[in-house]
Amino acid sequence: MLGILTQLLGDEPSQKKEDVEDGVVSRSTLFKTSKELASEHLRNAIMVLAAMGVLIGNDSDSTGPAEANEVSSVTWAAIGSIGYCKPYLDEWKNSASQ
């Protein structure tokens, strides 16, 4: 799942204005909207995994089970490598640790 999202969200967020002409959304706007939706689904998955104790919000929190620490480290590293999600990474970690 993270591999697919990395391909979809690999780029940094763009600051372009939305392109709508004659009520038809441009391809770039549709792609941007898809990225926003995918990143929101990723955030929701992170919050569910954190609530279940599978994902630890803070990498330095080693008080959890070893499996959770390993899954967390790999997951956060993968998300950190996704350009589109980098601006949200700290926010998501903070939310997951609460």
PDB file of N, CA and C in Angstrom:
ATOM      1  N   MET A   1       0.820  -1.188   0.000  1.00  0.00           N
ATOM      2  CA  MET A   1       0.000   0.000   0.000  1.00  0.00           C
ATOM      3  C   MET A   1       0.866   1.255   0.000  1.00  0.00           C
ATOM      4  N   LEU A   2       1.886   1.269   0.877  1.00  0.00           N
ATOM      5  CA  LEU A   2       2.766   2.438   0.933  1.00  0.00           C
ATOM      6  C   LEU A   2       3.548   2.608  -0.362  1.00  0.00           C
ATOM      7  N   GLY A   3       3.884   1.506  -1.024  1.00  0.00           N
ATOM      8  CA  GLY A   3       4.582   1.586  -2.305  1.00  0.00           C
ATOM      9  C   GLY A   3       3.737   2.271  -3.366  1.00  0.00           C
ATOM     10  N   ILE A   4       2.477   1.932  -3.421  1.00  0.00           N
ATOM     11  CA  ILE A   4       1.567   2.549  -4.391  1.00  0.00           C
ATOM     12  C   ILE A   4       1.384   4.028  -4.072  1.00  0.00           C
ATOM     13  N   LEU A   5       1.198   4.337  -2.795  1.00  0.00           N
ATOM     14  CA  LEU A   5       1.042   5.739  -2.410  1.00  0.00           C
ATOM     15  C   LEU A   5       2.313   6.533  -2.669  1.00  0.00           C
ATOM     16  N   THR A   6       3.465   5.915  -2.523  1.00  0.00           N
ATOM     17  CA  THR A   6       4.724   6.592  -2.833  1.00  0.00           C
ATOM     18  C   THR A   6       4.770   6.976  -4.303  1.00  0.00           C
ATOM     19  N   GLN A   7       4.311   6.099  -5.177  1.00  0.00           N
ATOM     20  CA  GLN A   7       4.285   6.418  -6.606  1.00  0.00           C
ATOM     21  C   GLN A   7       3.293   7.536  -6.899  1.00  0.00           C
ATOM     22  N   LEU A   8       2.136   7.482  -6.273  1.00  0.00           N
ATOM     23  CA  LEU A   8       1.108   8.495  -6.512  1.00  0.00           C
ATOM     24  C   LEU A   8       1.475   9.836  -5.904  1.00  0.00           C
ATOM     25  N   LEU A   9       2.011   9.813  -4.689  1.00  0.00           N
ATOM     26  CA  LEU A   9       2.248  11.043  -3.945  1.00  0.00           C
ATOM     27  C   LEU A   9       3.717  11.447  -3.897  1.00  0.00           C
ATOM     28  N   GLY A  10       4.512  10.899  -4.765  1.00  0.00           N
ATOM     29  CA  GLY A  10       5.954  11.121  -4.709  1.00  0.00           C
ATOM     30  C   GLY A  10       6.408  12.552  -4.842  1.00  0.00           C
ATOM     31  N   ASP A  11       5.663  13.400  -5.498  1.00  0.00           N
ATOM     32  CA  ASP A  11       6.073  14.778  -5.715  1.00  0.00           C
ATOM     33  C   ASP A  11       5.644  15.669  -4.566  1.00  0.00           C
ATOM     34  N   GLU A  12       6.362  16.788  -4.444  1.00  0.00           N
ATOM     35  CA  GLU A  12       5.992  17.814  -3.469  1.00  0.00           C
ATOM     36  C   GLU A  12       4.646  18.407  -3.893  1.00  0.00           C
ATOM     37  N   PRO A  13       3.885  18.951  -2.940  1.00  0.00           N
ATOM     38  CA  PRO A  13       2.628  19.604  -3.308  1.00  0.00           C
ATOM     39  C   PRO A  13       2.901  20.812  -4.202  1.00  0.00           C
ATOM     40  N   SER A  14       2.090  20.998  -5.211  1.00  0.00           N
ATOM     41  CA  SER A  14       2.272  22.152  -6.086  1.00  0.00           C
ATOM     42  C   SER A  14       1.395  23.296  -5.610  1.00  0.00           C
ATOM     43  N   GLN A  15       1.788  24.492  -5.967  1.00  0.00           N
ATOM     44  CA  GLN A  15       1.052  25.680  -5.553  1.00  0.00           C
ATOM     45  C   GLN A  15       0.219  26.251  -6.702  1.00  0.00           C
ATOM     46  N   LYS A  16      -0.027  25.454  -7.738  1.00  0.00           N
ATOM     47  CA  LYS A  16      -0.794  25.921  -8.894  1.00  0.00           C
ATOM     48  C   LYS A  16      -2.243  26.180  -8.522  1.00  0.00           C
ATOM     49  N   LYS A  17      -2.835  27.127  -9.245  1.00  0.00           N
ATOM     50  CA  LYS A  17      -4.267  27.361  -9.099  1.00  0.00           C
ATOM     51  C   LYS A  17      -5.009  26.267  -9.842  1.00  0.00           C
ATOM     52  N   GLU A  18      -6.228  26.013  -9.413  1.00  0.00           N
ATOM     53  CA  GLU A  18      -7.027  24.976 -10.064  1.00  0.00           C
ATOM     54  C   GLU A  18      -7.455  25.429 -11.453  1.00  0.00           C
ATOM     55  N   ASP A  19      -7.470  24.481 -12.370  1.00  0.00           N
ATOM     56  CA  ASP A  19      -7.853  24.756 -13.749  1.00  0.00           C
ATOM     57  C   ASP A  19      -9.232  24.177 -14.020  1.00  0.00           C
ATOM     58  N   VAL A  20     -10.219  25.066 -14.161  1.00  0.00           N
ATOM     59  CA  VAL A  20     -11.569  24.648 -14.526  1.00  0.00           C
ATOM     60  C   VAL A  20     -11.994  25.519 -15.692  1.00  0.00           C
ATOM     61  N   GLU A  21     -12.338  24.846 -16.787  1.00  0.00           N
ATOM     62  CA  GLU A  21     -12.760  25.579 -17.978  1.00  0.00           C
ATOM     63  C   GLU A  21     -14.069  24.996 -18.465  1.00  0.00           C
ATOM     64  N   ASP A  22     -15.080  25.840 -18.571  1.00  0.00           N
ATOM     65  CA  ASP A  22     -16.410  25.424 -19.013  1.00  0.00           C
ATOM     66  C   ASP A  22     -16.966  24.287 -18.158  1.00  0.00           C
ATOM     67  N   GLY A  23     -16.703  24.358 -16.855  1.00  0.00           N
ATOM     68  CA  GLY A  23     -17.233  23.354 -15.943  1.00  0.00           C
ATOM     69  C   GLY A  23     -16.500  22.029 -15.974  1.00  0.00           C
ATOM     70  N   VAL A  24     -15.421  21.939 -16.757  1.00  0.00           N
ATOM     71  CA  VAL A  24     -14.657  20.704 -16.873  1.00  0.00           C
ATOM     72  C   VAL A  24     -13.343  20.880 -16.117  1.00  0.00           C
ATOM     73  N   VAL A  25     -13.058  19.961 -15.237  1.00  0.00           N
ATOM     74  CA  VAL A  25     -11.841  20.015 -14.440  1.00  0.00           C
ATOM     75  C   VAL A  25     -10.681  19.491 -15.280  1.00  0.00           C
ATOM     76  N   SER A  26      -9.551  20.189 -15.203  1.00  0.00           N
ATOM     77  CA  SER A  26      -8.387  19.769 -15.984  1.00  0.00           C
ATOM     78  C   SER A  26      -7.774  18.495 -15.402  1.00  0.00           C
ATOM     79  N   ARG A  27      -6.952  17.874 -16.193  1.00  0.00           N
ATOM     80  CA  ARG A  27      -6.273  16.653 -15.778  1.00  0.00           C
ATOM     81  C   ARG A  27      -5.379  16.912 -14.562  1.00  0.00           C
ATOM     82  N   SER A  28      -4.667  18.053 -14.550  1.00  0.00           N
ATOM     83  CA  SER A  28      -3.777  18.360 -13.428  1.00  0.00           C
ATOM     84  C   SER A  28      -4.567  18.593 -12.146  1.00  0.00           C
ATOM     85  N   THR A  29      -5.723  19.221 -12.247  1.00  0.00           N
ATOM     86  CA  THR A  29      -6.558  19.447 -11.068  1.00  0.00           C
ATOM     87  C   THR A  29      -7.114  18.132 -10.553  1.00  0.00           C
ATOM     88  N   LEU A  30      -7.510  17.256 -11.445  1.00  0.00           N
ATOM     89  CA  LEU A  30      -8.009  15.946 -11.048  1.00  0.00           C
ATOM     90  C   LEU A  30      -6.907  15.152 -10.358  1.00  0.00           C
ATOM     91  N   PHE A  31      -5.691  15.223 -10.882  1.00  0.00           N
ATOM     92  CA  PHE A  31      -4.562  14.518 -10.281  1.00  0.00           C
ATOM     93  C   PHE A  31      -4.260  15.093  -8.895  1.00  0.00           C
ATOM     94  N   LYS A  32      -4.314  16.409  -8.760  1.00  0.00           N
ATOM     95  CA  LYS A  32      -4.080  17.065  -7.467  1.00  0.00           C
ATOM     96  C   LYS A  32      -5.136  16.639  -6.457  1.00  0.00           C
ATOM     97  N   THR A  33      -6.382  16.597  -6.879  1.00  0.00           N
ATOM     98  CA  THR A  33      -7.471  16.182  -6.005  1.00  0.00           C
ATOM     99  C   THR A  33      -7.296  14.722  -5.580  1.00  0.00           C
ATOM    100  N   SER A  34      -6.847  13.885  -6.506  1.00  0.00           N
ATOM    101  CA  SER A  34      -6.595  12.478  -6.179  1.00  0.00           C
ATOM    102  C   SER A  34      -5.486  12.356  -5.147  1.00  0.00           C
ATOM    103  N   LYS A  35      -4.452  13.178  -5.269  1.00  0.00           N
ATOM    104  CA  LYS A  35      -3.362  13.169  -4.292  1.00  0.00           C
ATOM    105  C   LYS A  35      -3.853  13.586  -2.915  1.00  0.00           C
ATOM    106  N   GLU A  36      -4.685  14.619  -2.878  1.00  0.00           N
ATOM    107  CA  GLU A  36      -5.222  15.076  -1.593  1.00  0.00           C
ATOM    108  C   GLU A  36      -6.068  13.987  -0.942  1.00  0.00           C
ATOM    109  N   LEU A  37      -6.890  13.336  -1.749  1.00  0.00           N
ATOM    110  CA  LEU A  37      -7.743  12.268  -1.236  1.00  0.00           C
ATOM    111  C   LEU A  37      -6.903  11.088  -0.749  1.00  0.00           C
ATOM    112  N   ALA A  38      -5.888  10.702  -1.512  1.00  0.00           N
ATOM    113  CA  ALA A  38      -5.029   9.586  -1.111  1.00  0.00           C
ATOM    114  C   ALA A  38      -4.270   9.909   0.174  1.00  0.00           C
ATOM    115  N   SER A  39      -3.783  11.143   0.302  1.00  0.00           N
ATOM    116  CA  SER A  39      -3.055  11.491   1.528  1.00  0.00           C
ATOM    117  C   SER A  39      -4.003  11.518   2.731  1.00  0.00           C
ATOM    118  N   GLU A  40      -5.245  11.903   2.529  1.00  0.00           N
ATOM    119  CA  GLU A  40      -6.225  11.883   3.615  1.00  0.00           C
ATOM    120  C   GLU A  40      -6.530  10.447   4.035  1.00  0.00           C
ATOM    121  N   HIS A  41      -6.637   9.542   3.075  1.00  0.00           N
ATOM    122  CA  HIS A  41      -6.856   8.127   3.406  1.00  0.00           C
ATOM    123  C   HIS A  41      -5.646   7.560   4.148  1.00  0.00           C
ATOM    124  N   LEU A  42      -4.445   7.957   3.735  1.00  0.00           N
ATOM    125  CA  LEU A  42      -3.239   7.513   4.424  1.00  0.00           C
ATOM    126  C   LEU A  42      -3.248   8.011   5.865  1.00  0.00           C
ATOM    127  N   ARG A  43      -3.614   9.267   6.064  1.00  0.00           N
ATOM    128  CA  ARG A  43      -3.697   9.820   7.417  1.00  0.00           C
ATOM    129  C   ARG A  43      -4.704   9.026   8.249  1.00  0.00           C
ATOM    130  N   ASN A  44      -5.856   8.716   7.683  1.00  0.00           N
ATOM    131  CA  ASN A  44      -6.868   7.935   8.405  1.00  0.00           C
ATOM    132  C   ASN A  44      -6.332   6.563   8.790  1.00  0.00           C
ATOM    133  N   ALA A  45      -5.609   5.924   7.879  1.00  0.00           N
ATOM    134  CA  ALA A  45      -5.021   4.610   8.172  1.00  0.00           C
ATOM    135  C   ALA A  45      -4.001   4.724   9.301  1.00  0.00           C
ATOM    136  N   ILE A  46      -3.209   5.792   9.291  1.00  0.00           N
ATOM    137  CA  ILE A  46      -2.228   6.023  10.353  1.00  0.00           C
ATOM    138  C   ILE A  46      -2.926   6.154  11.702  1.00  0.00           C
ATOM    139  N   MET A  47      -4.004   6.913  11.736  1.00  0.00           N
ATOM    140  CA  MET A  47      -4.717   7.127  12.993  1.00  0.00           C
ATOM    141  C   MET A  47      -5.345   5.832  13.511  1.00  0.00           C
ATOM    142  N   VAL A  48      -5.865   5.011  12.615  1.00  0.00           N
ATOM    143  CA  VAL A  48      -6.438   3.719  13.030  1.00  0.00           C
ATOM    144  C   VAL A  48      -5.341   2.812  13.576  1.00  0.00           C
ATOM    145  N   LEU A  49      -4.208   2.734  12.872  1.00  0.00           N
ATOM    146  CA  LEU A  49      -3.099   1.898  13.338  1.00  0.00           C
ATOM    147  C   LEU A  49      -2.559   2.396  14.676  1.00  0.00           C
ATOM    148  N   ALA A  50      -2.507   3.709  14.851  1.00  0.00           N
ATOM    149  CA  ALA A  50      -2.040   4.273  16.121  1.00  0.00           C
ATOM    150  C   ALA A  50      -3.023   3.954  17.248  1.00  0.00           C
ATOM    151  N   ALA A  51      -4.310   4.077  16.967  1.00  0.00           N
ATOM    152  CA  ALA A  51      -5.324   3.788  17.984  1.00  0.00           C
ATOM    153  C   ALA A  51      -5.296   2.321  18.409  1.00  0.00           C
ATOM    154  N   MET A  52      -4.915   1.447  17.493  1.00  0.00           N
ATOM    155  CA  MET A  52      -4.848   0.018  17.793  1.00  0.00           C
ATOM    156  C   MET A  52      -3.515  -0.378  18.420  1.00  0.00           C
ATOM    157  N   GLY A  53      -2.589   0.578  18.534  1.00  0.00           N
ATOM    158  CA  GLY A  53      -1.288   0.288  19.130  1.00  0.00           C
ATOM    159  C   GLY A  53      -0.287  -0.338  18.187  1.00  0.00           C
ATOM    160  N   VAL A  54      -0.630  -0.397  16.918  1.00  0.00           N
ATOM    161  CA  VAL A  54       0.268  -0.983  15.925  1.00  0.00           C
ATOM    162  C   VAL A  54       1.344   0.015  15.509  1.00  0.00           C
ATOM    163  N   LEU A  55       0.981   1.285  15.497  1.00  0.00           N
ATOM    164  CA  LEU A  55       1.876   2.347  15.052  1.00  0.00           C
ATOM    165  C   LEU A  55       2.113   3.307  16.205  1.00  0.00           C
ATOM    166  N   ILE A  56       3.375   3.597  16.472  1.00  0.00           N
ATOM    167  CA  ILE A  56       3.746   4.516  17.539  1.00  0.00           C
ATOM    168  C   ILE A  56       4.049   5.863  16.904  1.00  0.00           C
ATOM    169  N   GLY A  57       3.427   6.915  17.431  1.00  0.00           N
ATOM    170  CA  GLY A  57       3.564   8.237  16.842  1.00  0.00           C
ATOM    171  C   GLY A  57       4.949   8.818  16.913  1.00  0.00           C
ATOM    172  N   ASN A  58       5.667   8.572  17.990  1.00  0.00           N
ATOM    173  CA  ASN A  58       6.983   9.162  18.174  1.00  0.00           C
ATOM    174  C   ASN A  58       8.036   8.073  18.001  1.00  0.00           C
ATOM    175  N   ASP A  59       8.939   8.257  17.040  1.00  0.00           N
ATOM    176  CA  ASP A  59       9.972   7.256  16.777  1.00  0.00           C
ATOM    177  C   ASP A  59      10.836   6.965  17.998  1.00  0.00           C
ATOM    178  N   SER A  60      11.028   7.956  18.845  1.00  0.00           N
ATOM    179  CA  SER A  60      11.912   7.776  19.996  1.00  0.00           C
ATOM    180  C   SER A  60      11.229   7.073  21.164  1.00  0.00           C
ATOM    181  N   ASP A  61       9.942   6.791  21.031  1.00  0.00           N
ATOM    182  CA  ASP A  61       9.206   6.101  22.096  1.00  0.00           C
ATOM    183  C   ASP A  61       9.483   4.610  21.997  1.00  0.00           C
ATOM    184  N   SER A  62      10.384   4.128  22.804  1.00  0.00           N
ATOM    185  CA  SER A  62      10.756   2.717  22.738  1.00  0.00           C
ATOM    186  C   SER A  62      10.079   1.897  23.830  1.00  0.00           C
ATOM    187  N   THR A  63       9.051   2.444  24.465  1.00  0.00           N
ATOM    188  CA  THR A  63       8.377   1.734  25.545  1.00  0.00           C
ATOM    189  C   THR A  63       7.384   0.707  25.037  1.00  0.00           C
ATOM    190  N   GLY A  64       7.030   0.779  23.767  1.00  0.00           N
ATOM    191  CA  GLY A  64       6.075  -0.164  23.207  1.00  0.00           C
ATOM    192  C   GLY A  64       6.738  -1.477  22.841  1.00  0.00           C
ATOM    193  N   PRO A  65       5.939  -2.432  22.379  1.00  0.00           N
ATOM    194  CA  PRO A  65       6.493  -3.720  21.951  1.00  0.00           C
ATOM    195  C   PRO A  65       7.482  -3.539  20.807  1.00  0.00           C
ATOM    196  N   ALA A  66       8.450  -4.449  20.724  1.00  0.00           N
ATOM    197  CA  ALA A  66       9.484  -4.366  19.687  1.00  0.00           C
ATOM    198  C   ALA A  66       8.871  -4.375  18.287  1.00  0.00           C
ATOM    199  N   GLU A  67       7.813  -5.173  18.100  1.00  0.00           N
ATOM    200  CA  GLU A  67       7.171  -5.245  16.787  1.00  0.00           C
ATOM    201  C   GLU A  67       6.582  -3.894  16.398  1.00  0.00           C
ATOM    202  N   ALA A  68       5.944  -3.221  17.359  1.00  0.00           N
ATOM    203  CA  ALA A  68       5.347  -1.917  17.084  1.00  0.00           C
ATOM    204  C   ALA A  68       6.431  -0.902  16.748  1.00  0.00           C
ATOM    205  N   ASN A  69       7.554  -0.958  17.460  1.00  0.00           N
ATOM    206  CA  ASN A  69       8.655  -0.040  17.167  1.00  0.00           C
ATOM    207  C   ASN A  69       9.199  -0.262  15.766  1.00  0.00           C
ATOM    208  N   GLU A  70       9.342  -1.521  15.365  1.00  0.00           N
ATOM    209  CA  GLU A  70       9.866  -1.828  14.037  1.00  0.00           C
ATOM    210  C   GLU A  70       8.886  -1.409  12.942  1.00  0.00           C
ATOM    211  N   VAL A  71       7.619  -1.745  13.126  1.00  0.00           N
ATOM    212  CA  VAL A  71       6.596  -1.351  12.155  1.00  0.00           C
ATOM    213  C   VAL A  71       6.534   0.168  12.060  1.00  0.00           C
ATOM    214  N   SER A  72       6.593   0.835  13.198  1.00  0.00           N
ATOM    215  CA  SER A  72       6.534   2.296  13.220  1.00  0.00           C
ATOM    216  C   SER A  72       7.714   2.910  12.474  1.00  0.00           C
ATOM    217  N   SER A  73       8.897   2.422  12.746  1.00  0.00           N
ATOM    218  CA  SER A  73      10.087   2.974  12.092  1.00  0.00           C
ATOM    219  C   SER A  73      10.010   2.822  10.575  1.00  0.00           C
ATOM    220  N   VAL A  74       9.636   1.641  10.124  1.00  0.00           N
ATOM    221  CA  VAL A  74       9.540   1.387   8.683  1.00  0.00           C
ATOM    222  C   VAL A  74       8.433   2.239   8.066  1.00  0.00           C
ATOM    223  N   THR A  75       7.302   2.323   8.747  1.00  0.00           N
ATOM    224  CA  THR A  75       6.171   3.095   8.229  1.00  0.00           C
ATOM    225  C   THR A  75       6.504   4.578   8.142  1.00  0.00           C
ATOM    226  N   TRP A  76       7.059   5.142   9.215  1.00  0.00           N
ATOM    227  CA  TRP A  76       7.390   6.568   9.201  1.00  0.00           C
ATOM    228  C   TRP A  76       8.479   6.878   8.182  1.00  0.00           C
ATOM    229  N   ALA A  77       9.422   5.979   8.007  1.00  0.00           N
ATOM    230  CA  ALA A  77      10.466   6.191   6.999  1.00  0.00           C
ATOM    231  C   ALA A  77       9.861   6.200   5.599  1.00  0.00           C
ATOM    232  N   ALA A  78       8.940   5.280   5.355  1.00  0.00           N
ATOM    233  CA  ALA A  78       8.288   5.234   4.037  1.00  0.00           C
ATOM    234  C   ALA A  78       7.471   6.492   3.790  1.00  0.00           C
ATOM    235  N   ILE A  79       6.722   6.920   4.783  1.00  0.00           N
ATOM    236  CA  ILE A  79       5.907   8.122   4.630  1.00  0.00           C
ATOM    237  C   ILE A  79       6.800   9.355   4.476  1.00  0.00           C
ATOM    238  N   GLY A  80       7.908   9.384   5.204  1.00  0.00           N
ATOM    239  CA  GLY A  80       8.846  10.492   5.099  1.00  0.00           C
ATOM    240  C   GLY A  80       9.495  10.601   3.736  1.00  0.00           C
ATOM    241  N   SER A  81       9.531   9.501   2.994  1.00  0.00           N
ATOM    242  CA  SER A  81      10.117   9.529   1.655  1.00  0.00           C
ATOM    243  C   SER A  81       9.120   9.970   0.585  1.00  0.00           C
ATOM    244  N   ILE A  82       7.870  10.136   0.958  1.00  0.00           N
ATOM    245  CA  ILE A  82       6.829  10.568   0.024  1.00  0.00           C
ATOM    246  C   ILE A  82       6.805  12.094   0.022  1.00  0.00           C
ATOM    247  N   GLY A  83       7.228  12.676  -1.065  1.00  0.00           N
ATOM    248  CA  GLY A  83       7.340  14.127  -1.144  1.00  0.00           C
ATOM    249  C   GLY A  83       6.066  14.868  -0.793  1.00  0.00           C
ATOM    250  N   TYR A  84       4.940  14.396  -1.265  1.00  0.00           N
ATOM    251  CA  TYR A  84       3.667  15.079  -1.035  1.00  0.00           C
ATOM    252  C   TYR A  84       3.292  15.086   0.444  1.00  0.00           C
ATOM    253  N   CYS A  85       3.714  14.063   1.196  1.00  0.00           N
ATOM    254  CA  CYS A  85       3.319  13.928   2.598  1.00  0.00           C
ATOM    255  C   CYS A  85       4.304  14.570   3.573  1.00  0.00           C
ATOM    256  N   LYS A  86       5.482  14.956   3.106  1.00  0.00           N
ATOM    257  CA  LYS A  86       6.485  15.533   4.011  1.00  0.00           C
ATOM    258  C   LYS A  86       5.956  16.691   4.843  1.00  0.00           C
ATOM    259  N   PRO A  87       5.170  17.609   4.267  1.00  0.00           N
ATOM    260  CA  PRO A  87       4.668  18.716   5.097  1.00  0.00           C
ATOM    261  C   PRO A  87       3.739  18.262   6.226  1.00  0.00           C
ATOM    262  N   TYR A  88       3.151  17.096   6.106  1.00  0.00           N
ATOM    263  CA  TYR A  88       2.189  16.609   7.088  1.00  0.00           C
ATOM    264  C   TYR A  88       2.795  15.635   8.100  1.00  0.00           C
ATOM    265  N   LEU A  89       4.022  15.205   7.874  1.00  0.00           N
ATOM    266  CA  LEU A  89       4.621  14.121   8.658  1.00  0.00           C
ATOM    267  C   LEU A  89       4.637  14.422  10.155  1.00  0.00           C
ATOM    268  N   ASP A  90       5.143  15.580  10.555  1.00  0.00           N
ATOM    269  CA  ASP A  90       5.209  15.903  11.983  1.00  0.00           C
ATOM    270  C   ASP A  90       3.818  15.984  12.611  1.00  0.00           C
ATOM    271  N   GLU A  91       2.884  16.576  11.882  1.00  0.00           N
ATOM    272  CA  GLU A  91       1.507  16.669  12.382  1.00  0.00           C
ATOM    273  C   GLU A  91       0.922  15.276  12.602  1.00  0.00           C
ATOM    274  N   TRP A  92       1.136  14.375  11.636  1.00  0.00           N
ATOM    275  CA  TRP A  92       0.602  13.023  11.743  1.00  0.00           C
ATOM    276  C   TRP A  92       1.254  12.274  12.892  1.00  0.00           C
ATOM    277  N   LYS A  93       2.563  12.444  13.072  1.00  0.00           N
ATOM    278  CA  LYS A  93       3.248  11.781  14.184  1.00  0.00           C
ATOM    279  C   LYS A  93       2.703  12.271  15.515  1.00  0.00           C
ATOM    280  N   ASN A  94       2.517  13.579  15.627  1.00  0.00           N
ATOM    281  CA  ASN A  94       1.975  14.139  16.863  1.00  0.00           C
ATOM    282  C   ASN A  94       0.573  13.611  17.144  1.00  0.00           C
ATOM    283  N   SER A  95      -0.254  13.561  16.116  1.00  0.00           N
ATOM    284  CA  SER A  95      -1.625  13.052  16.281  1.00  0.00           C
ATOM    285  C   SER A  95      -1.612  11.582  16.669  1.00  0.00           C
ATOM    286  N   ALA A  96      -0.713  10.819  16.085  1.00  0.00           N
ATOM    287  CA  ALA A  96      -0.635   9.384  16.363  1.00  0.00           C
ATOM    288  C   ALA A  96      -0.118   9.109  17.771  1.00  0.00           C
ATOM    289  N   SER A  97       0.663  10.022  18.323  1.00  0.00           N
ATOM    290  CA  SER A  97       1.222   9.794  19.655  1.00  0.00           C
ATOM    291  C   SER A  97       0.264  10.185  20.777  1.00  0.00           C
ATOM    292  N   GLN A  98      -0.845  10.824  20.448  1.00  0.00           N
ATOM    293  CA  GLN A  98      -1.796  11.253  21.477  1.00  0.00           C
ATOM    294  C   GLN A  98      -2.781  10.164  21.808  1.00  0.00           C
TER     295      GLN A  98
END
